[in-house]
Structure formats: structure tokens, C-alpha cells
Amino acid sequence: MSRSPRPSRLPAGTLPGLVVLAVLVLLAVALWRSADPGGGDDNGGQAAADTQQQQADYSHAERRDPDDPFAMGPVDAPVGLVMFTDYQCPFCAQWSEETLPSMVARAEHGDLRIEIRDVNVYGPDSERASLAAYAAAQQDSYWDFHDALFEGGRHRSGSELSEEALVGLAVELGMDREQFLTDMHSPEAAEEIDRNEQLGVDHGAMSTPVFLLGGRPMVGAQPPEVFLEAYDAALEANGG
């Protein structure tokens, strides 16, 4: 199957685009906290709020497509979460194990829309896993497949993402083997994976994991409480 030409990628670990913005914001908050160890007075709280307000809004990256195969939660949820990820990224696996369940609970409650975007910075093995995830979605098993690839907070090696291994996992999860293979190699799968990668390129999210929560960038597999705090702030800002 012929694939469209891919945009050039930066090496994993670089911090371009919105990642730089997020890091600068984190540094600003860290400097404020170091200047005010108590971190609890009204002036300090206002400074943090002002810093947050100065961030650019990336809500336009949320697709909000009811037919999105890599999404969870209502399309009109008050808060959106976009995750740029890679199936060979150890920190993506860690986040999926430690923090994603808390986000899923919010999505199931109806207040959060989660959209996963694979940018495949680790290359062909990651891309193959993304195509397989698309195939799983066609059998309503995307999240089961996603969670299995990151089981125990561990990412799979390239050899564990061979076509044989991915098809074997699909069968183990109860999917039809022939349909899975057909969908995995379909033009629709290739188009969807290309589109998600391009979104990462457009937003400079070439290192993983990177998140847009309520339109605000966040970097790395930060603890659940960090995401929950950001989620609560976004929900409040949107009248939740």
C-alpha cells in the first residue's frame, strides 16, 4: 500500500512549538513558588492565575468529531484533552497507567472529551501499532487494545509491535483476525494515521507525551493530581 510522503520529524526529546511554551509556563510557576515558599497568599494565587491566563489557547486542536475512532467522552463536553503519544514511549505508558483512569472517569461522567493522537516519533514500529489501533477501533475495541499495549505502565519494544504480535493481541482480545488485518491495511487507516501525525507536526508536538488540556499545553507524565488540578481549573473556566 502506498503511503503519502511524511513531513520531516524532529528527534524524540526535542521541545519545539507548544512544548516550549508549556515549559516556559512551568518555569514561571516554579520561579514564583521559589520566591514565595508559602505559596498560599492571595498575591501568589493571583500571580499563578495570571500566568495561566497568558498561555495561548490551543482548543482548536480538539477535533470533536463524533466518528473519531481514537476518542472518548461527549463531543460537547465542557473540557477537552488531546494527548500526543507514541506506543514506544515509556512515559506515555506510565501516564496511561497512572493518570488516564482519572481522566476516563471524568469522560464517563460527561465533563471531558479525550482525543488520542499518535505522532509515531519512534518510527515504523510505532506507526504499525497506530494502524493496528485503528483496526481495533473498527471492532469497537480501541481502548481495550490501547490499554493492552500499555499494560502495567510498560511500553512494548519494537519486536513486540510486529504485525504478527499485534494481530495476535487482537485475537486474544476477541477480535476477528481477517477483519483486523483488512482494516489495518486499509487506505482509511493510513489516512487517519497521517492526519494525526500532521496535527502533531502542526502544533510542534514531536516529543511525547504532550497534552492539551482545556486548550493549555502540558508536558510529560505528570502525576494524576497535576492533571486533576488543571482539569478542575478548565472545568470552572468553562462554567462547570
Protein backbone atom coordinates (compact mmCIF):
# COMPACT_ATOMS: atom_id res chain seq x y z
CA MET A 1 0.00 0.00 0.00
CA SER A 2 1.40 3.38 -0.99
CA ARG A 3 1.67 5.93 1.78
CA SER A 4 1.70 9.68 1.35
CA PRO A 5 5.03 11.46 1.93
CA ARG A 6 5.62 12.19 5.59
CA PRO A 7 6.63 15.54 7.00
CA SER A 8 10.10 15.67 8.49
CA ARG A 9 10.23 14.83 12.19
CA LEU A 10 12.39 16.19 14.95
CA PRO A 11 14.13 13.64 17.18
CA ALA A 12 12.25 12.45 20.24
CA GLY A 13 13.22 14.57 23.21
CA THR A 14 13.24 17.96 21.46
CA LEU A 15 10.89 20.62 22.72
CA PRO A 16 9.57 22.68 19.80
CA GLY A 17 6.40 24.72 19.35
CA LEU A 18 3.81 24.47 22.05
CA VAL A 19 6.14 22.32 24.15
CA VAL A 20 8.48 25.28 24.59
CA LEU A 21 5.53 27.41 25.64
CA ALA A 22 4.47 24.86 28.21
CA VAL A 23 7.98 24.60 29.62
CA LEU A 24 8.23 28.37 29.93
CA VAL A 25 4.95 28.45 31.83
CA LEU A 26 6.16 25.70 34.17
CA LEU A 27 9.36 27.62 34.77
CA ALA A 28 7.41 30.78 35.53
CA VAL A 29 5.29 28.97 38.10
CA ALA A 30 8.40 27.34 39.61
CA LEU A 31 10.11 30.71 39.94
CA TRP A 32 7.03 32.17 41.60
CA ARG A 33 6.93 29.27 44.06
CA SER A 34 10.63 29.59 44.87
CA ALA A 35 10.15 33.30 45.55
CA ASP A 36 7.15 32.58 47.76
CA PRO A 37 7.71 29.23 49.55
CA GLY A 38 4.38 29.52 51.32
CA GLY A 39 2.60 29.71 48.01
CA GLY A 40 -0.67 30.36 49.76
CA ASP A 41 -1.26 34.09 49.89
CA ASP A 42 -3.69 35.91 47.65
CA ASN A 43 -0.98 37.71 45.67
CA GLY A 44 0.72 34.43 44.87
CA GLY A 45 -2.54 32.84 43.80
CA GLN A 46 -3.27 35.78 41.55
CA ALA A 47 0.18 35.52 40.00
CA ALA A 48 -0.43 31.87 39.17
CA ALA A 49 -3.81 32.71 37.68
CA ASP A 50 -2.27 35.48 35.61
CA THR A 51 0.41 33.11 34.34
CA GLN A 52 -2.23 30.62 33.27
CA GLN A 53 -4.27 33.30 31.51
CA GLN A 54 -1.22 34.37 29.50
CA GLN A 55 -0.89 30.95 27.87
CA ALA A 56 -2.00 30.57 24.29
CA ASP A 57 -5.26 28.67 23.73
CA TYR A 58 -4.89 25.51 21.61
CA SER A 59 -8.51 24.39 21.84
CA HIS A 60 -8.65 24.45 18.04
CA ALA A 61 -6.63 21.21 18.09
CA GLU A 62 -9.66 19.39 19.51
CA ARG A 63 -11.42 17.64 16.65
CA ARG A 64 -14.72 16.96 18.44
CA ASP A 65 -15.69 14.51 15.70
CA PRO A 66 -18.43 12.03 16.72
CA ASP A 67 -16.84 9.45 14.40
CA ASP A 68 -13.32 9.87 15.80
CA PRO A 69 -12.00 6.32 16.35
CA PHE A 70 -9.50 7.47 18.99
CA ALA A 71 -11.77 9.43 21.32
CA MET A 72 -13.85 9.06 24.45
CA GLY A 73 -16.45 11.28 26.09
CA PRO A 74 -19.19 13.55 24.74
CA VAL A 75 -18.28 15.69 21.73
CA ASP A 76 -19.78 18.68 23.56
CA ALA A 77 -18.04 18.05 26.90
CA PRO A 78 -17.02 21.33 28.57
CA VAL A 79 -13.32 20.34 28.69
CA GLY A 80 -11.17 18.73 26.00
CA LEU A 81 -7.98 16.71 26.42
CA VAL A 82 -5.74 15.99 23.44
CA MET A 83 -2.83 13.62 24.04
CA PHE A 84 0.08 13.36 21.60
CA THR A 85 1.58 9.94 22.19
CA ASP A 86 3.64 7.05 20.83
CA TYR A 87 3.27 3.34 21.56
CA GLN A 88 7.02 3.00 22.22
CA CYS A 89 7.16 5.96 24.61
CA PRO A 90 7.82 4.79 28.21
CA PHE A 91 6.37 7.98 29.69
CA CYS A 92 3.19 7.59 27.66
CA ALA A 93 2.83 4.10 29.12
CA GLN A 94 3.41 5.45 32.62
CA TRP A 95 0.81 8.19 32.16
CA SER A 96 -1.73 5.75 30.74
CA GLU A 97 -1.30 3.52 33.77
CA GLU A 98 -1.24 6.19 36.49
CA THR A 99 -3.30 9.14 35.24
CA LEU A 100 -5.53 8.09 32.35
CA PRO A 101 -8.01 6.24 34.62
CA SER A 102 -8.79 9.51 36.42
CA MET A 103 -9.37 11.22 33.09
CA VAL A 104 -11.53 8.36 31.84
CA ALA A 105 -13.73 8.73 34.92
CA ARG A 106 -14.33 12.40 34.00
CA ALA A 107 -15.09 11.45 30.41
CA GLU A 108 -17.58 8.81 31.53
CA HIS A 109 -19.18 11.42 33.77
CA GLY A 110 -19.67 13.60 30.69
CA ASP A 111 -17.38 16.53 31.54
CA LEU A 112 -14.31 15.59 29.46
CA ARG A 113 -13.59 14.75 25.84
CA ILE A 114 -10.38 12.69 25.40
CA GLU A 115 -8.72 12.52 21.97
CA ILE A 116 -5.59 10.43 21.40
CA ARG A 117 -3.20 11.46 18.60
CA ASP A 118 -0.31 9.14 17.77
CA VAL A 119 2.67 11.07 16.38
CA ASN A 120 4.91 7.99 16.00
CA VAL A 121 8.23 9.74 16.66
CA TYR A 122 9.88 6.36 17.25
CA GLY A 123 9.31 5.25 13.67
CA PRO A 124 7.76 2.35 11.72
CA ASP A 125 7.05 0.07 14.68
CA SER A 126 5.07 2.82 16.37
CA GLU A 127 3.25 3.57 13.14
CA ARG A 128 2.32 -0.09 12.74
CA ALA A 129 0.87 -0.08 16.25
CA SER A 130 -1.17 3.01 15.40
CA LEU A 131 -2.59 1.32 12.31
CA ALA A 132 -3.43 -1.70 14.45
CA ALA A 133 -5.16 0.56 16.98
CA TYR A 134 -7.28 1.95 14.15
CA ALA A 135 -8.22 -1.60 13.16
CA ALA A 136 -9.17 -2.35 16.77
CA ALA A 137 -11.39 0.72 16.78
CA GLN A 138 -13.33 -0.67 13.82
CA GLN A 139 -14.35 -3.53 16.08
CA ASP A 140 -15.19 -1.23 19.00
CA SER A 141 -12.10 -2.39 20.86
CA TYR A 142 -9.79 0.61 20.62
CA TRP A 143 -9.48 1.30 24.34
CA ASP A 144 -9.00 -2.37 25.20
CA PHE A 145 -6.23 -2.54 22.60
CA HIS A 146 -4.66 0.73 23.74
CA ASP A 147 -4.64 -0.38 27.37
CA ALA A 148 -3.18 -3.78 26.45
CA LEU A 149 -0.30 -2.15 24.57
CA PHE A 150 0.49 -0.14 27.71
CA GLU A 151 -0.38 -2.88 30.21
CA GLY A 152 1.21 -2.40 33.61
CA GLY A 153 2.57 1.00 32.63
CA ARG A 154 5.10 -0.67 30.33
CA HIS A 155 5.63 0.13 26.65
CA ARG A 156 6.27 -2.65 24.17
CA SER A 157 9.53 -2.98 22.28
CA GLY A 158 9.70 -2.76 18.51
CA SER A 159 9.81 -6.55 18.18
CA GLU A 160 6.63 -6.77 20.27
CA LEU A 161 4.92 -4.47 17.77
CA SER A 162 5.41 -6.72 14.75
CA GLU A 163 2.34 -7.37 12.66
CA GLU A 164 2.20 -10.93 13.96
CA ALA A 165 2.29 -9.74 17.58
CA LEU A 166 -0.33 -7.05 17.02
CA VAL A 167 -2.70 -9.44 15.23
CA GLY A 168 -2.15 -11.99 17.98
CA LEU A 169 -3.10 -9.41 20.59
CA ALA A 170 -6.25 -8.53 18.66
CA VAL A 171 -7.31 -12.16 18.51
CA GLU A 172 -6.54 -12.55 22.21
CA LEU A 173 -8.89 -9.63 22.88
CA GLY A 174 -11.66 -11.31 20.90
CA MET A 175 -11.40 -9.53 17.56
CA ASP A 176 -11.88 -11.09 14.17
CA ARG A 177 -8.45 -11.73 12.66
CA GLU A 178 -9.30 -11.22 8.98
CA GLN A 179 -11.28 -8.06 9.56
CA PHE A 180 -8.48 -6.73 11.74
CA LEU A 181 -5.89 -7.30 9.02
CA THR A 182 -8.11 -5.77 6.36
CA ASP A 183 -8.77 -2.65 8.43
CA MET A 184 -5.14 -2.34 9.50
CA HIS A 185 -4.00 -2.19 5.85
CA SER A 186 -6.90 -0.09 4.58
CA PRO A 187 -6.49 3.34 2.95
CA GLU A 188 -8.75 4.74 5.68
CA ALA A 189 -6.33 3.61 8.38
CA ALA A 190 -3.38 5.17 6.56
CA GLU A 191 -5.28 8.43 6.09
CA GLU A 192 -6.27 8.65 9.75
CA ILE A 193 -2.74 7.95 10.99
CA ASP A 194 -1.31 10.53 8.58
CA ARG A 195 -3.85 13.11 9.75
CA ASN A 196 -2.98 12.58 13.40
CA GLU A 197 0.74 12.81 12.71
CA GLN A 198 0.22 16.03 10.79
CA LEU A 199 -1.66 17.52 13.73
CA GLY A 200 1.38 16.82 15.87
CA VAL A 201 3.64 18.46 13.30
CA ASP A 202 1.35 21.48 13.04
CA HIS A 203 1.49 22.01 16.80
CA GLY A 204 5.16 21.18 17.28
CA ALA A 205 4.31 18.16 19.43
CA MET A 206 7.17 15.97 18.27
CA SER A 207 8.25 14.75 21.69
CA THR A 208 5.93 12.56 23.76
CA PRO A 209 3.83 12.76 25.77
CA VAL A 210 2.43 16.23 25.22
CA PHE A 211 -1.09 17.23 26.21
CA LEU A 212 -3.59 19.98 25.55
CA LEU A 213 -5.99 20.13 28.48
CA GLY A 214 -8.66 22.77 28.17
CA GLY A 215 -6.56 24.19 25.35
CA ARG A 216 -3.50 24.62 27.61
CA PRO A 217 -0.26 22.71 26.94
CA MET A 218 1.13 20.27 29.47
CA VAL A 219 4.34 18.27 29.10
CA GLY A 220 5.31 14.85 30.40
CA ALA A 221 3.79 12.09 32.50
CA GLN A 222 2.98 14.33 35.45
CA PRO A 223 1.15 12.85 38.46
CA PRO A 224 -2.65 12.47 38.47
CA GLU A 225 -3.10 15.36 40.89
CA VAL A 226 -1.46 17.77 38.45
CA PHE A 227 -3.87 16.81 35.70
CA LEU A 228 -6.86 16.82 38.03
CA GLU A 229 -5.98 20.31 39.21
CA ALA A 230 -5.67 21.51 35.61
CA TYR A 231 -8.91 19.76 34.70
CA ASP A 232 -10.79 21.37 37.61
CA ALA A 233 -9.50 24.79 36.58
CA ALA A 234 -10.55 24.24 32.97
CA LEU A 235 -13.97 22.97 34.03
CA GLU A 236 -14.51 26.00 36.25
CA ALA A 237 -13.37 28.33 33.48
CA ASN A 238 -15.98 26.75 31.19
CA GLY A 239 -18.79 27.11 33.69
CA GLY A 240 -18.66 23.57 35.00
